[in-house]
Amino acid sequence: MIEFSQVSKRFPCGHEALKSVSFSVEKGEMVFLTGHSGAGKSTLLKLVAAIELPTSGSVVVSGQNIGKMRKAAVPFLRRNLGLIFQDHKLLYDRSVFENVLLPLQISGFDRSESAKRVRAALDKVGLLGKEKMLPITLSGGEQQRLCIARAIVNRPAILLADEPTGNLDSAYAHDIMDMFQSFNQVGVTMLISTHDEHTVERIGGRVIHLQQGELIS
């Protein structure tokens, strides 16, 4: 499903975010990325999503070599990915419903099918009664749930989450990780970066630990 082979990523400023990283994630696995801030977790997830390209080595996602893909092919790859960012990237001038609708509009779904999918996604994350509200009126935990609804509305095969519980209290964090477990149980491949060791221990799953850009365990 995801395979890194001797992957390094050096930015134009000279910073080497990843150094000869190799690992694979099988279909249906739940894998946690751990490591201190700046260890390379976010960069690794961006490589999977083709937001960044490797400087050397190969990143293969669902059979596609990220470094050799044509730009026009990237949106088709991302249709099978759900992306949850640390900074939410919500559209604050659009309603909850419209935020979740956006990926389906980009993919060309018709309005009727899109509306069904949006309401199903909002129902899964407990926001169905708030579809007309603006994101700014939601709590931090609810905004994170909105991000998750937007990420799963396409019914992706792979879900990537970058510190999804980083700014949440323990109750919200617990709920969101339980939600991720339920997605994984129906076959969604999960790659989640986190610094929350308690969550990793409670949920289980494989752990990939990064330190200063190197995979150490």
N, C-alpha and C. Protein backbone atom coordinates (compact mmCIF):
# COMPACT_ATOMS: atom_id res chain seq x y z
N MET A 1 0.83 -1.21 0.00
CA MET A 1 0.00 0.00 0.00
C MET A 1 0.87 1.27 0.00
N ILE A 2 1.84 1.31 0.96
CA ILE A 2 2.81 2.41 1.04
C ILE A 2 4.19 1.80 1.20
N GLU A 3 5.14 2.22 0.37
CA GLU A 3 6.50 1.69 0.50
C GLU A 3 7.53 2.80 0.31
N PHE A 4 8.37 2.97 1.31
CA PHE A 4 9.50 3.89 1.25
C PHE A 4 10.78 3.07 1.08
N SER A 5 11.59 3.44 0.12
CA SER A 5 12.86 2.74 -0.10
C SER A 5 14.01 3.74 -0.17
N GLN A 6 14.81 3.77 0.89
CA GLN A 6 15.98 4.65 0.99
C GLN A 6 15.62 6.11 0.66
N VAL A 7 14.56 6.60 1.29
CA VAL A 7 14.04 7.94 0.98
C VAL A 7 14.74 9.01 1.81
N SER A 8 15.24 10.02 1.10
CA SER A 8 15.78 11.21 1.75
C SER A 8 15.05 12.43 1.21
N LYS A 9 14.89 13.44 2.06
CA LYS A 9 14.28 14.69 1.64
C LYS A 9 15.10 15.85 2.17
N ARG A 10 15.68 16.61 1.22
CA ARG A 10 16.46 17.80 1.57
C ARG A 10 15.75 19.01 0.98
N PHE A 11 15.51 20.01 1.81
CA PHE A 11 14.84 21.23 1.35
C PHE A 11 15.88 22.21 0.79
N PRO A 12 15.43 23.17 -0.04
CA PRO A 12 16.37 24.13 -0.65
C PRO A 12 17.24 24.88 0.36
N CYS A 13 16.74 25.06 1.59
CA CYS A 13 17.52 25.75 2.62
C CYS A 13 18.68 24.90 3.12
N GLY A 14 18.71 23.62 2.73
CA GLY A 14 19.78 22.72 3.15
C GLY A 14 19.38 21.75 4.24
N HIS A 15 18.21 21.99 4.85
CA HIS A 15 17.76 21.10 5.93
C HIS A 15 17.38 19.73 5.37
N GLU A 16 17.96 18.67 5.94
CA GLU A 16 17.64 17.31 5.52
C GLU A 16 16.61 16.74 6.50
N ALA A 17 15.35 16.72 6.06
CA ALA A 17 14.25 16.32 6.95
C ALA A 17 14.17 14.82 7.13
N LEU A 18 14.53 14.06 6.09
CA LEU A 18 14.53 12.59 6.16
C LEU A 18 15.83 12.06 5.56
N LYS A 19 16.34 10.98 6.15
CA LYS A 19 17.63 10.43 5.72
C LYS A 19 17.51 8.92 5.53
N SER A 20 17.51 8.48 4.30
CA SER A 20 17.54 7.05 3.94
C SER A 20 16.51 6.22 4.72
N VAL A 21 15.26 6.65 4.65
CA VAL A 21 14.18 5.99 5.38
C VAL A 21 13.56 4.89 4.52
N SER A 22 13.44 3.69 5.09
CA SER A 22 12.81 2.56 4.39
C SER A 22 11.81 1.87 5.31
N PHE A 23 10.61 1.66 4.82
CA PHE A 23 9.59 0.89 5.56
C PHE A 23 8.44 0.65 4.60
N SER A 24 7.52 -0.21 5.00
CA SER A 24 6.30 -0.43 4.21
C SER A 24 5.10 -0.53 5.13
N VAL A 25 3.95 -0.16 4.61
CA VAL A 25 2.68 -0.27 5.32
C VAL A 25 1.75 -1.11 4.45
N GLU A 26 1.27 -2.21 5.02
CA GLU A 26 0.40 -3.10 4.27
C GLU A 26 -1.05 -2.61 4.29
N LYS A 27 -1.81 -3.08 3.33
CA LYS A 27 -3.24 -2.72 3.25
C LYS A 27 -3.94 -3.12 4.55
N GLY A 28 -4.71 -2.16 5.10
CA GLY A 28 -5.49 -2.43 6.31
C GLY A 28 -4.73 -2.27 7.62
N GLU A 29 -3.45 -1.90 7.57
CA GLU A 29 -2.68 -1.69 8.80
C GLU A 29 -3.00 -0.35 9.44
N MET A 30 -2.81 -0.27 10.76
CA MET A 30 -2.78 1.00 11.47
C MET A 30 -1.37 1.18 11.99
N VAL A 31 -0.71 2.24 11.52
CA VAL A 31 0.69 2.47 11.87
C VAL A 31 0.83 3.88 12.46
N PHE A 32 1.54 3.97 13.57
CA PHE A 32 1.80 5.26 14.21
C PHE A 32 3.22 5.73 13.88
N LEU A 33 3.35 7.02 13.55
CA LEU A 33 4.64 7.68 13.40
C LEU A 33 4.92 8.45 14.68
N THR A 34 6.01 8.14 15.34
CA THR A 34 6.36 8.84 16.57
C THR A 34 7.72 9.50 16.43
N GLY A 35 8.01 10.42 17.36
CA GLY A 35 9.27 11.16 17.32
C GLY A 35 9.03 12.58 17.79
N HIS A 36 10.11 13.24 18.19
CA HIS A 36 10.02 14.61 18.70
C HIS A 36 9.60 15.57 17.60
N SER A 37 9.25 16.79 17.97
CA SER A 37 8.94 17.83 16.99
C SER A 37 10.17 18.08 16.12
N GLY A 38 9.97 18.06 14.80
CA GLY A 38 11.10 18.23 13.88
C GLY A 38 11.78 16.94 13.48
N ALA A 39 11.23 15.80 13.92
CA ALA A 39 11.85 14.51 13.61
C ALA A 39 11.65 14.09 12.15
N GLY A 40 10.67 14.72 11.48
CA GLY A 40 10.42 14.38 10.07
C GLY A 40 9.06 13.75 9.82
N LYS A 41 8.20 13.70 10.83
CA LYS A 41 6.90 13.03 10.69
C LYS A 41 6.02 13.72 9.65
N SER A 42 5.90 15.04 9.76
CA SER A 42 5.02 15.78 8.83
C SER A 42 5.55 15.68 7.40
N THR A 43 6.87 15.76 7.25
CA THR A 43 7.47 15.64 5.91
C THR A 43 7.16 14.28 5.31
N LEU A 44 7.24 13.24 6.12
CA LEU A 44 6.96 11.89 5.64
C LEU A 44 5.52 11.78 5.13
N LEU A 45 4.58 12.33 5.89
CA LEU A 45 3.18 12.28 5.46
C LEU A 45 2.96 13.08 4.18
N LYS A 46 3.65 14.21 4.06
CA LYS A 46 3.52 15.02 2.83
C LYS A 46 4.08 14.29 1.62
N LEU A 47 5.09 13.46 1.82
CA LEU A 47 5.62 12.65 0.72
C LEU A 47 4.59 11.61 0.28
N VAL A 48 3.90 10.99 1.22
CA VAL A 48 2.87 10.01 0.88
C VAL A 48 1.77 10.65 0.05
N ALA A 49 1.42 11.90 0.42
CA ALA A 49 0.33 12.61 -0.26
C ALA A 49 0.79 13.36 -1.51
N ALA A 50 2.07 13.23 -1.87
CA ALA A 50 2.64 13.92 -3.03
C ALA A 50 2.56 15.44 -2.90
N ILE A 51 2.53 15.94 -1.66
CA ILE A 51 2.63 17.38 -1.42
C ILE A 51 4.09 17.79 -1.56
N GLU A 52 4.98 16.89 -1.13
CA GLU A 52 6.43 17.04 -1.35
C GLU A 52 6.91 15.84 -2.16
N LEU A 53 8.06 16.00 -2.82
CA LEU A 53 8.67 14.91 -3.58
C LEU A 53 10.00 14.52 -2.93
N PRO A 54 10.37 13.25 -2.99
CA PRO A 54 11.64 12.84 -2.38
C PRO A 54 12.83 13.41 -3.14
N THR A 55 13.90 13.73 -2.40
CA THR A 55 15.15 14.15 -3.04
C THR A 55 15.86 12.94 -3.63
N SER A 56 15.79 11.81 -2.93
CA SER A 56 16.34 10.55 -3.44
C SER A 56 15.54 9.40 -2.86
N GLY A 57 15.69 8.22 -3.47
CA GLY A 57 14.92 7.07 -3.05
C GLY A 57 13.55 7.08 -3.70
N SER A 58 12.72 6.10 -3.35
CA SER A 58 11.39 6.00 -3.97
C SER A 58 10.29 5.89 -2.92
N VAL A 59 9.18 6.57 -3.22
CA VAL A 59 7.95 6.48 -2.42
C VAL A 59 6.88 5.93 -3.34
N VAL A 60 6.36 4.75 -2.99
CA VAL A 60 5.33 4.12 -3.81
C VAL A 60 4.05 4.02 -2.98
N VAL A 61 2.96 4.58 -3.52
CA VAL A 61 1.67 4.59 -2.84
C VAL A 61 0.63 3.99 -3.79
N SER A 62 0.00 2.93 -3.36
CA SER A 62 -1.01 2.24 -4.19
C SER A 62 -0.48 1.94 -5.59
N GLY A 63 0.79 1.51 -5.64
CA GLY A 63 1.39 1.15 -6.92
C GLY A 63 1.94 2.30 -7.73
N GLN A 64 1.80 3.54 -7.25
CA GLN A 64 2.27 4.72 -7.98
C GLN A 64 3.56 5.23 -7.36
N ASN A 65 4.59 5.43 -8.20
CA ASN A 65 5.85 6.00 -7.74
C ASN A 65 5.69 7.52 -7.70
N ILE A 66 5.66 8.07 -6.47
CA ILE A 66 5.36 9.50 -6.29
C ILE A 66 6.35 10.39 -7.04
N GLY A 67 7.62 10.03 -7.01
CA GLY A 67 8.64 10.87 -7.64
C GLY A 67 8.58 10.89 -9.15
N LYS A 68 7.89 9.93 -9.75
CA LYS A 68 7.83 9.84 -11.20
C LYS A 68 6.44 10.15 -11.77
N MET A 69 5.52 10.55 -10.92
CA MET A 69 4.17 10.83 -11.38
C MET A 69 4.11 12.15 -12.14
N ARG A 70 3.26 12.18 -13.16
CA ARG A 70 2.96 13.45 -13.82
C ARG A 70 2.08 14.28 -12.89
N LYS A 71 2.22 15.60 -12.95
CA LYS A 71 1.42 16.47 -12.07
C LYS A 71 -0.07 16.22 -12.26
N ALA A 72 -0.47 15.94 -13.49
CA ALA A 72 -1.89 15.74 -13.77
C ALA A 72 -2.45 14.49 -13.09
N ALA A 73 -1.56 13.56 -12.71
CA ALA A 73 -2.01 12.31 -12.09
C ALA A 73 -2.18 12.44 -10.58
N VAL A 74 -1.60 13.48 -9.98
CA VAL A 74 -1.62 13.62 -8.52
C VAL A 74 -3.04 13.72 -7.96
N PRO A 75 -3.94 14.52 -8.56
CA PRO A 75 -5.31 14.58 -8.01
C PRO A 75 -6.01 13.23 -7.98
N PHE A 76 -5.70 12.37 -8.95
CA PHE A 76 -6.33 11.04 -8.98
C PHE A 76 -5.79 10.18 -7.84
N LEU A 77 -4.49 10.30 -7.54
CA LEU A 77 -3.92 9.60 -6.39
C LEU A 77 -4.60 10.04 -5.10
N ARG A 78 -4.81 11.35 -4.96
CA ARG A 78 -5.34 11.90 -3.71
C ARG A 78 -6.81 11.54 -3.50
N ARG A 79 -7.50 11.11 -4.53
CA ARG A 79 -8.89 10.69 -4.35
C ARG A 79 -8.99 9.47 -3.44
N ASN A 80 -7.90 8.71 -3.35
CA ASN A 80 -7.88 7.52 -2.49
C ASN A 80 -7.23 7.80 -1.13
N LEU A 81 -6.92 9.09 -0.89
CA LEU A 81 -6.28 9.48 0.37
C LEU A 81 -7.19 10.41 1.15
N GLY A 82 -7.24 10.22 2.46
CA GLY A 82 -7.87 11.19 3.35
C GLY A 82 -6.77 11.90 4.12
N LEU A 83 -6.78 13.23 4.11
CA LEU A 83 -5.70 14.01 4.71
C LEU A 83 -6.22 14.84 5.87
N ILE A 84 -5.59 14.71 7.04
CA ILE A 84 -5.96 15.50 8.21
C ILE A 84 -4.71 16.25 8.67
N PHE A 85 -4.76 17.59 8.57
CA PHE A 85 -3.60 18.42 8.84
C PHE A 85 -3.65 18.98 10.26
N GLN A 86 -2.47 19.39 10.77
CA GLN A 86 -2.40 20.00 12.09
C GLN A 86 -3.13 21.34 12.13
N ASP A 87 -3.06 22.11 11.04
CA ASP A 87 -3.63 23.46 11.04
C ASP A 87 -5.02 23.51 10.42
N HIS A 88 -5.68 22.36 10.34
CA HIS A 88 -7.07 22.22 9.91
C HIS A 88 -7.31 22.53 8.42
N LYS A 89 -6.82 23.69 7.93
CA LYS A 89 -7.05 24.09 6.54
C LYS A 89 -8.55 24.12 6.19
N LEU A 90 -9.35 24.60 7.13
CA LEU A 90 -10.78 24.73 6.89
C LEU A 90 -11.05 26.05 6.16
N LEU A 91 -12.18 26.09 5.46
CA LEU A 91 -12.61 27.31 4.79
C LEU A 91 -13.61 28.00 5.71
N TYR A 92 -13.18 29.08 6.34
CA TYR A 92 -13.98 29.68 7.41
C TYR A 92 -15.14 30.53 6.88
N ASP A 93 -15.16 30.80 5.58
CA ASP A 93 -16.28 31.55 5.00
C ASP A 93 -17.35 30.61 4.43
N ARG A 94 -17.17 29.31 4.63
CA ARG A 94 -18.15 28.32 4.15
C ARG A 94 -18.67 27.51 5.33
N SER A 95 -19.87 27.00 5.18
CA SER A 95 -20.50 26.24 6.25
C SER A 95 -19.80 24.90 6.48
N VAL A 96 -20.16 24.25 7.57
CA VAL A 96 -19.68 22.90 7.86
C VAL A 96 -19.98 21.98 6.68
N PHE A 97 -21.22 22.02 6.20
CA PHE A 97 -21.63 21.18 5.07
C PHE A 97 -20.76 21.45 3.85
N GLU A 98 -20.55 22.73 3.52
CA GLU A 98 -19.79 23.09 2.32
C GLU A 98 -18.32 22.70 2.43
N ASN A 99 -17.75 22.74 3.65
CA ASN A 99 -16.37 22.30 3.83
C ASN A 99 -16.21 20.82 3.50
N VAL A 100 -17.16 20.01 3.95
CA VAL A 100 -17.07 18.57 3.70
C VAL A 100 -17.41 18.26 2.24
N LEU A 101 -18.26 19.07 1.64
CA LEU A 101 -18.67 18.87 0.24
C LEU A 101 -17.52 19.08 -0.75
N LEU A 102 -16.57 19.94 -0.40
CA LEU A 102 -15.55 20.38 -1.36
C LEU A 102 -14.80 19.25 -2.07
N PRO A 103 -14.30 18.23 -1.35
CA PRO A 103 -13.58 17.16 -2.06
C PRO A 103 -14.44 16.43 -3.10
N LEU A 104 -15.74 16.32 -2.82
CA LEU A 104 -16.64 15.65 -3.76
C LEU A 104 -16.89 16.53 -4.99
N GLN A 105 -16.97 17.84 -4.78
CA GLN A 105 -17.11 18.75 -5.92
C GLN A 105 -15.89 18.66 -6.83
N ILE A 106 -14.72 18.61 -6.21
CA ILE A 106 -13.48 18.52 -7.00
C ILE A 106 -13.44 17.21 -7.78
N SER A 107 -13.97 16.14 -7.17
CA SER A 107 -13.95 14.82 -7.83
C SER A 107 -15.08 14.65 -8.85
N GLY A 108 -16.00 15.61 -8.91
CA GLY A 108 -17.04 15.56 -9.93
C GLY A 108 -18.29 14.77 -9.57
N PHE A 109 -18.53 14.54 -8.27
CA PHE A 109 -19.75 13.84 -7.86
C PHE A 109 -20.97 14.72 -8.13
N ASP A 110 -22.11 14.09 -8.45
CA ASP A 110 -23.32 14.90 -8.63
C ASP A 110 -23.84 15.35 -7.27
N ARG A 111 -24.67 16.38 -7.29
CA ARG A 111 -25.11 17.05 -6.06
C ARG A 111 -25.87 16.11 -5.12
N SER A 112 -26.74 15.28 -5.68
CA SER A 112 -27.56 14.41 -4.85
C SER A 112 -26.71 13.39 -4.10
N GLU A 113 -25.81 12.71 -4.81
CA GLU A 113 -24.93 11.71 -4.18
C GLU A 113 -23.99 12.39 -3.19
N SER A 114 -23.51 13.59 -3.55
CA SER A 114 -22.61 14.33 -2.67
C SER A 114 -23.29 14.66 -1.35
N ALA A 115 -24.54 15.12 -1.42
CA ALA A 115 -25.26 15.49 -0.20
C ALA A 115 -25.42 14.29 0.73
N LYS A 116 -25.70 13.11 0.16
CA LYS A 116 -25.83 11.90 0.97
C LYS A 116 -24.51 11.56 1.66
N ARG A 117 -23.43 11.67 0.89
CA ARG A 117 -22.13 11.33 1.47
C ARG A 117 -21.71 12.32 2.55
N VAL A 118 -21.98 13.60 2.32
CA VAL A 118 -21.62 14.62 3.31
C VAL A 118 -22.36 14.36 4.61
N ARG A 119 -23.66 14.11 4.54
CA ARG A 119 -24.44 13.88 5.76
C ARG A 119 -24.01 12.60 6.47
N ALA A 120 -23.64 11.58 5.70
CA ALA A 120 -23.16 10.34 6.31
C ALA A 120 -21.83 10.58 7.05
N ALA A 121 -20.95 11.37 6.43
CA ALA A 121 -19.65 11.67 7.06
C ALA A 121 -19.85 12.51 8.33
N LEU A 122 -20.73 13.51 8.25
CA LEU A 122 -21.00 14.34 9.43
C LEU A 122 -21.65 13.53 10.55
N ASP A 123 -22.50 12.59 10.18
CA ASP A 123 -23.13 11.73 11.17
C ASP A 123 -22.08 10.89 11.89
N LYS A 124 -21.11 10.36 11.14
CA LYS A 124 -20.05 9.53 11.73
C LYS A 124 -19.25 10.28 12.80
N VAL A 125 -19.06 11.59 12.58
CA VAL A 125 -18.23 12.36 13.52
C VAL A 125 -19.06 13.17 14.51
N GLY A 126 -20.38 12.98 14.49
CA GLY A 126 -21.25 13.63 15.47
C GLY A 126 -21.54 15.10 15.20
N LEU A 127 -21.49 15.52 13.92
CA LEU A 127 -21.73 16.92 13.59
C LEU A 127 -22.94 17.12 12.68
N LEU A 128 -23.78 16.11 12.55
CA LEU A 128 -24.89 16.20 11.60
C LEU A 128 -25.83 17.36 11.92
N GLY A 129 -26.00 17.70 13.18
CA GLY A 129 -26.90 18.80 13.54
C GLY A 129 -26.30 20.18 13.36
N LYS A 130 -25.02 20.24 12.92
CA LYS A 130 -24.33 21.53 12.82
C LYS A 130 -23.90 21.85 11.39
N GLU A 131 -24.56 21.24 10.41
CA GLU A 131 -24.10 21.38 9.03
C GLU A 131 -24.20 22.80 8.47
N LYS A 132 -25.10 23.64 9.03
CA LYS A 132 -25.25 25.00 8.52
C LYS A 132 -24.36 26.01 9.25
N MET A 133 -23.68 25.58 10.28
CA MET A 133 -22.84 26.49 11.05
C MET A 133 -21.53 26.78 10.34
N LEU A 134 -20.89 27.88 10.70
CA LEU A 134 -19.56 28.20 10.19
C LEU A 134 -18.51 27.57 11.11
N PRO A 135 -17.38 27.12 10.55
CA PRO A 135 -16.36 26.46 11.37
C PRO A 135 -15.87 27.28 12.55
N ILE A 136 -15.85 28.61 12.39
CA ILE A 136 -15.32 29.47 13.46
C ILE A 136 -16.16 29.38 14.73
N THR A 137 -17.43 28.97 14.58
CA THR A 137 -18.33 28.87 15.74
C THR A 137 -18.19 27.53 16.47
N LEU A 138 -17.38 26.61 15.92
CA LEU A 138 -17.19 25.30 16.53
C LEU A 138 -16.05 25.33 17.54
N SER A 139 -16.08 24.41 18.50
CA SER A 139 -14.96 24.25 19.42
C SER A 139 -13.78 23.62 18.69
N GLY A 140 -12.61 23.61 19.34
CA GLY A 140 -11.43 23.00 18.72
C GLY A 140 -11.64 21.53 18.39
N GLY A 141 -12.27 20.81 19.32
CA GLY A 141 -12.55 19.40 19.08
C GLY A 141 -13.51 19.19 17.93
N GLU A 142 -14.51 20.07 17.83
CA GLU A 142 -15.47 19.96 16.74
C GLU A 142 -14.83 20.30 15.39
N GLN A 143 -13.93 21.27 15.38
CA GLN A 143 -13.21 21.59 14.14
C GLN A 143 -12.37 20.39 13.69
N GLN A 144 -11.77 19.70 14.65
CA GLN A 144 -11.00 18.51 14.29
C GLN A 144 -11.91 17.42 13.73
N ARG A 145 -13.10 17.27 14.31
CA ARG A 145 -14.07 16.31 13.79
C ARG A 145 -14.50 16.69 12.38
N LEU A 146 -14.63 18.00 12.14
CA LEU A 146 -14.98 18.47 10.79
C LEU A 146 -13.89 18.10 9.79
N CYS A 147 -12.63 18.24 10.19
CA CYS A 147 -11.51 17.84 9.33
C CYS A 147 -11.58 16.35 9.00
N ILE A 148 -11.94 15.56 10.00
CA ILE A 148 -12.04 14.11 9.79
C ILE A 148 -13.19 13.79 8.82
N ALA A 149 -14.33 14.46 8.99
CA ALA A 149 -15.46 14.24 8.07
C ALA A 149 -15.05 14.57 6.64
N ARG A 150 -14.34 15.67 6.46
CA ARG A 150 -13.88 16.05 5.11
C ARG A 150 -12.90 15.01 4.55
N ALA A 151 -12.08 14.45 5.44
CA ALA A 151 -11.08 13.47 5.00
C ALA A 151 -11.70 12.14 4.59
N ILE A 152 -12.83 11.77 5.22
CA ILE A 152 -13.41 10.44 4.96
C ILE A 152 -14.57 10.47 3.97
N VAL A 153 -15.01 11.67 3.55
CA VAL A 153 -16.21 11.76 2.70
C VAL A 153 -16.01 11.07 1.35
N ASN A 154 -14.75 11.01 0.90
CA ASN A 154 -14.42 10.32 -0.36
C ASN A 154 -14.31 8.81 -0.18
N ARG A 155 -14.48 8.34 1.07
CA ARG A 155 -14.29 6.93 1.42
C ARG A 155 -12.91 6.43 0.96
N PRO A 156 -11.85 7.07 1.48
CA PRO A 156 -10.50 6.78 1.01
C PRO A 156 -10.00 5.42 1.48
N ALA A 157 -9.05 4.87 0.72
CA ALA A 157 -8.41 3.61 1.11
C ALA A 157 -7.34 3.84 2.16
N ILE A 158 -6.75 5.05 2.16
CA ILE A 158 -5.66 5.40 3.08
C ILE A 158 -6.02 6.70 3.78
N LEU A 159 -5.86 6.73 5.10
CA LEU A 159 -6.09 7.95 5.87
C LEU A 159 -4.78 8.37 6.52
N LEU A 160 -4.35 9.61 6.25
CA LEU A 160 -3.13 10.18 6.81
C LEU A 160 -3.52 11.26 7.81
N ALA A 161 -3.02 11.18 9.03
CA ALA A 161 -3.37 12.15 10.06
C ALA A 161 -2.11 12.67 10.73
N ASP A 162 -1.94 14.00 10.72
CA ASP A 162 -0.75 14.63 11.29
C ASP A 162 -1.10 15.23 12.64
N GLU A 163 -0.67 14.59 13.72
CA GLU A 163 -0.95 15.01 15.09
C GLU A 163 -2.44 15.34 15.27
N PRO A 164 -3.33 14.40 14.99
CA PRO A 164 -4.77 14.71 15.00
C PRO A 164 -5.34 15.04 16.37
N THR A 165 -4.63 14.67 17.43
CA THR A 165 -5.14 14.97 18.78
C THR A 165 -4.25 15.94 19.54
N GLY A 166 -3.33 16.58 18.83
CA GLY A 166 -2.30 17.39 19.48
C GLY A 166 -2.82 18.53 20.34
N ASN A 167 -3.92 19.18 19.91
CA ASN A 167 -4.42 20.35 20.64
C ASN A 167 -5.74 20.09 21.36
N LEU A 168 -6.04 18.81 21.60
CA LEU A 168 -7.33 18.46 22.18
C LEU A 168 -7.18 17.96 23.61
N ASP A 169 -8.25 18.13 24.39
CA ASP A 169 -8.21 17.55 25.73
C ASP A 169 -8.33 16.04 25.63
N SER A 170 -8.08 15.35 26.73
CA SER A 170 -7.96 13.90 26.69
C SER A 170 -9.26 13.21 26.27
N ALA A 171 -10.41 13.78 26.65
CA ALA A 171 -11.69 13.16 26.29
C ALA A 171 -11.91 13.20 24.78
N TYR A 172 -11.68 14.38 24.17
CA TYR A 172 -11.82 14.51 22.72
C TYR A 172 -10.81 13.62 22.01
N ALA A 173 -9.57 13.61 22.52
CA ALA A 173 -8.52 12.81 21.90
C ALA A 173 -8.90 11.32 21.91
N HIS A 174 -9.44 10.89 23.02
CA HIS A 174 -9.88 9.50 23.18
C HIS A 174 -10.95 9.17 22.14
N ASP A 175 -11.94 10.06 21.99
CA ASP A 175 -13.03 9.83 21.04
C ASP A 175 -12.52 9.75 19.60
N ILE A 176 -11.59 10.65 19.25
CA ILE A 176 -11.10 10.68 17.88
C ILE A 176 -10.28 9.44 17.56
N MET A 177 -9.47 8.99 18.50
CA MET A 177 -8.70 7.78 18.25
C MET A 177 -9.60 6.55 18.15
N ASP A 178 -10.68 6.52 18.94
CA ASP A 178 -11.64 5.42 18.82
C ASP A 178 -12.31 5.45 17.44
N MET A 179 -12.56 6.66 16.93
CA MET A 179 -13.13 6.81 15.61
C MET A 179 -12.17 6.25 14.55
N PHE A 180 -10.89 6.56 14.70
CA PHE A 180 -9.89 6.04 13.76
C PHE A 180 -9.84 4.51 13.81
N GLN A 181 -9.95 3.96 15.01
CA GLN A 181 -9.96 2.51 15.13
C GLN A 181 -11.13 1.90 14.37
N SER A 182 -12.29 2.55 14.45
CA SER A 182 -13.47 2.03 13.75
C SER A 182 -13.27 2.09 12.24
N PHE A 183 -12.60 3.13 11.73
CA PHE A 183 -12.30 3.20 10.29
C PHE A 183 -11.35 2.06 9.90
N ASN A 184 -10.34 1.84 10.74
CA ASN A 184 -9.37 0.80 10.47
C ASN A 184 -10.02 -0.59 10.45
N GLN A 185 -11.00 -0.78 11.32
CA GLN A 185 -11.68 -2.09 11.41
C GLN A 185 -12.49 -2.42 10.16
N VAL A 186 -12.83 -1.40 9.36
CA VAL A 186 -13.54 -1.67 8.10
C VAL A 186 -12.59 -1.61 6.91
N GLY A 187 -11.27 -1.67 7.19
CA GLY A 187 -10.30 -1.85 6.11
C GLY A 187 -9.51 -0.64 5.68
N VAL A 188 -9.73 0.53 6.32
CA VAL A 188 -8.97 1.72 5.94
C VAL A 188 -7.55 1.62 6.49
N THR A 189 -6.56 1.84 5.63
CA THR A 189 -5.16 1.85 6.04
C THR A 189 -4.87 3.19 6.71
N MET A 190 -4.26 3.16 7.90
CA MET A 190 -4.06 4.37 8.70
C MET A 190 -2.58 4.62 8.93
N LEU A 191 -2.15 5.86 8.69
CA LEU A 191 -0.80 6.29 9.04
C LEU A 191 -0.96 7.59 9.83
N ILE A 192 -0.64 7.53 11.14
CA ILE A 192 -0.96 8.61 12.07
C ILE A 192 0.31 9.06 12.78
N SER A 193 0.63 10.35 12.66
CA SER A 193 1.77 10.87 13.42
C SER A 193 1.26 11.37 14.77
N THR A 194 2.00 11.08 15.82
CA THR A 194 1.58 11.50 17.16
C THR A 194 2.78 11.52 18.10
N HIS A 195 2.69 12.38 19.12
CA HIS A 195 3.68 12.35 20.20
C HIS A 195 3.05 11.82 21.48
N ASP A 196 1.80 11.36 21.38
CA ASP A 196 1.04 10.89 22.54
C ASP A 196 1.29 9.39 22.76
N GLU A 197 2.26 9.09 23.60
CA GLU A 197 2.63 7.69 23.85
C GLU A 197 1.49 6.90 24.50
N HIS A 198 0.70 7.58 25.33
CA HIS A 198 -0.41 6.90 25.99
C HIS A 198 -1.41 6.38 24.96
N THR A 199 -1.71 7.20 23.95
CA THR A 199 -2.64 6.79 22.90
C THR A 199 -2.11 5.59 22.13
N VAL A 200 -0.83 5.62 21.80
CA VAL A 200 -0.22 4.52 21.06
C VAL A 200 -0.31 3.22 21.86
N GLU A 201 -0.03 3.30 23.14
CA GLU A 201 -0.09 2.12 24.00
C GLU A 201 -1.53 1.58 24.11
N ARG A 202 -2.49 2.50 24.20
CA ARG A 202 -3.88 2.09 24.37
C ARG A 202 -4.44 1.45 23.10
N ILE A 203 -4.11 2.04 21.96
CA ILE A 203 -4.67 1.57 20.68
C ILE A 203 -3.93 0.34 20.17
N GLY A 204 -2.61 0.32 20.35
CA GLY A 204 -1.81 -0.75 19.76
C GLY A 204 -1.48 -0.41 18.31
N GLY A 205 -1.06 -1.40 17.55
CA GLY A 205 -0.65 -1.13 16.17
C GLY A 205 0.85 -0.96 16.09
N ARG A 206 1.35 -0.95 14.88
CA ARG A 206 2.80 -0.86 14.67
C ARG A 206 3.27 0.58 14.84
N VAL A 207 4.51 0.75 15.31
CA VAL A 207 5.08 2.07 15.54
C VAL A 207 6.34 2.24 14.70
N ILE A 208 6.42 3.36 13.99
CA ILE A 208 7.63 3.75 13.27
C ILE A 208 8.17 4.99 13.97
N HIS A 209 9.37 4.88 14.55
CA HIS A 209 9.91 5.98 15.35
C HIS A 209 11.02 6.69 14.59
N LEU A 210 10.87 8.01 14.45
CA LEU A 210 11.85 8.84 13.76
C LEU A 210 12.62 9.68 14.77
N GLN A 211 13.91 9.88 14.46
CA GLN A 211 14.73 10.77 15.27
C GLN A 211 15.66 11.53 14.35
N GLN A 212 15.50 12.85 14.31
CA GLN A 212 16.29 13.72 13.44
C GLN A 212 16.32 13.21 12.01
N GLY A 213 15.16 12.80 11.52
CA GLY A 213 15.03 12.39 10.13
C GLY A 213 15.40 10.96 9.83
N GLU A 214 15.84 10.21 10.83
CA GLU A 214 16.24 8.82 10.62
C GLU A 214 15.27 7.88 11.30
N LEU A 215 14.99 6.76 10.64
CA LEU A 215 14.14 5.74 11.23
C LEU A 215 14.99 4.90 12.16
N ILE A 216 14.66 4.95 13.47
CA ILE A 216 15.53 4.25 14.43
C ILE A 216 14.86 3.00 15.01
N SER A 217 13.54 2.86 14.82
CA SER A 217 12.89 1.61 15.26
C SER A 217 11.54 1.51 14.60
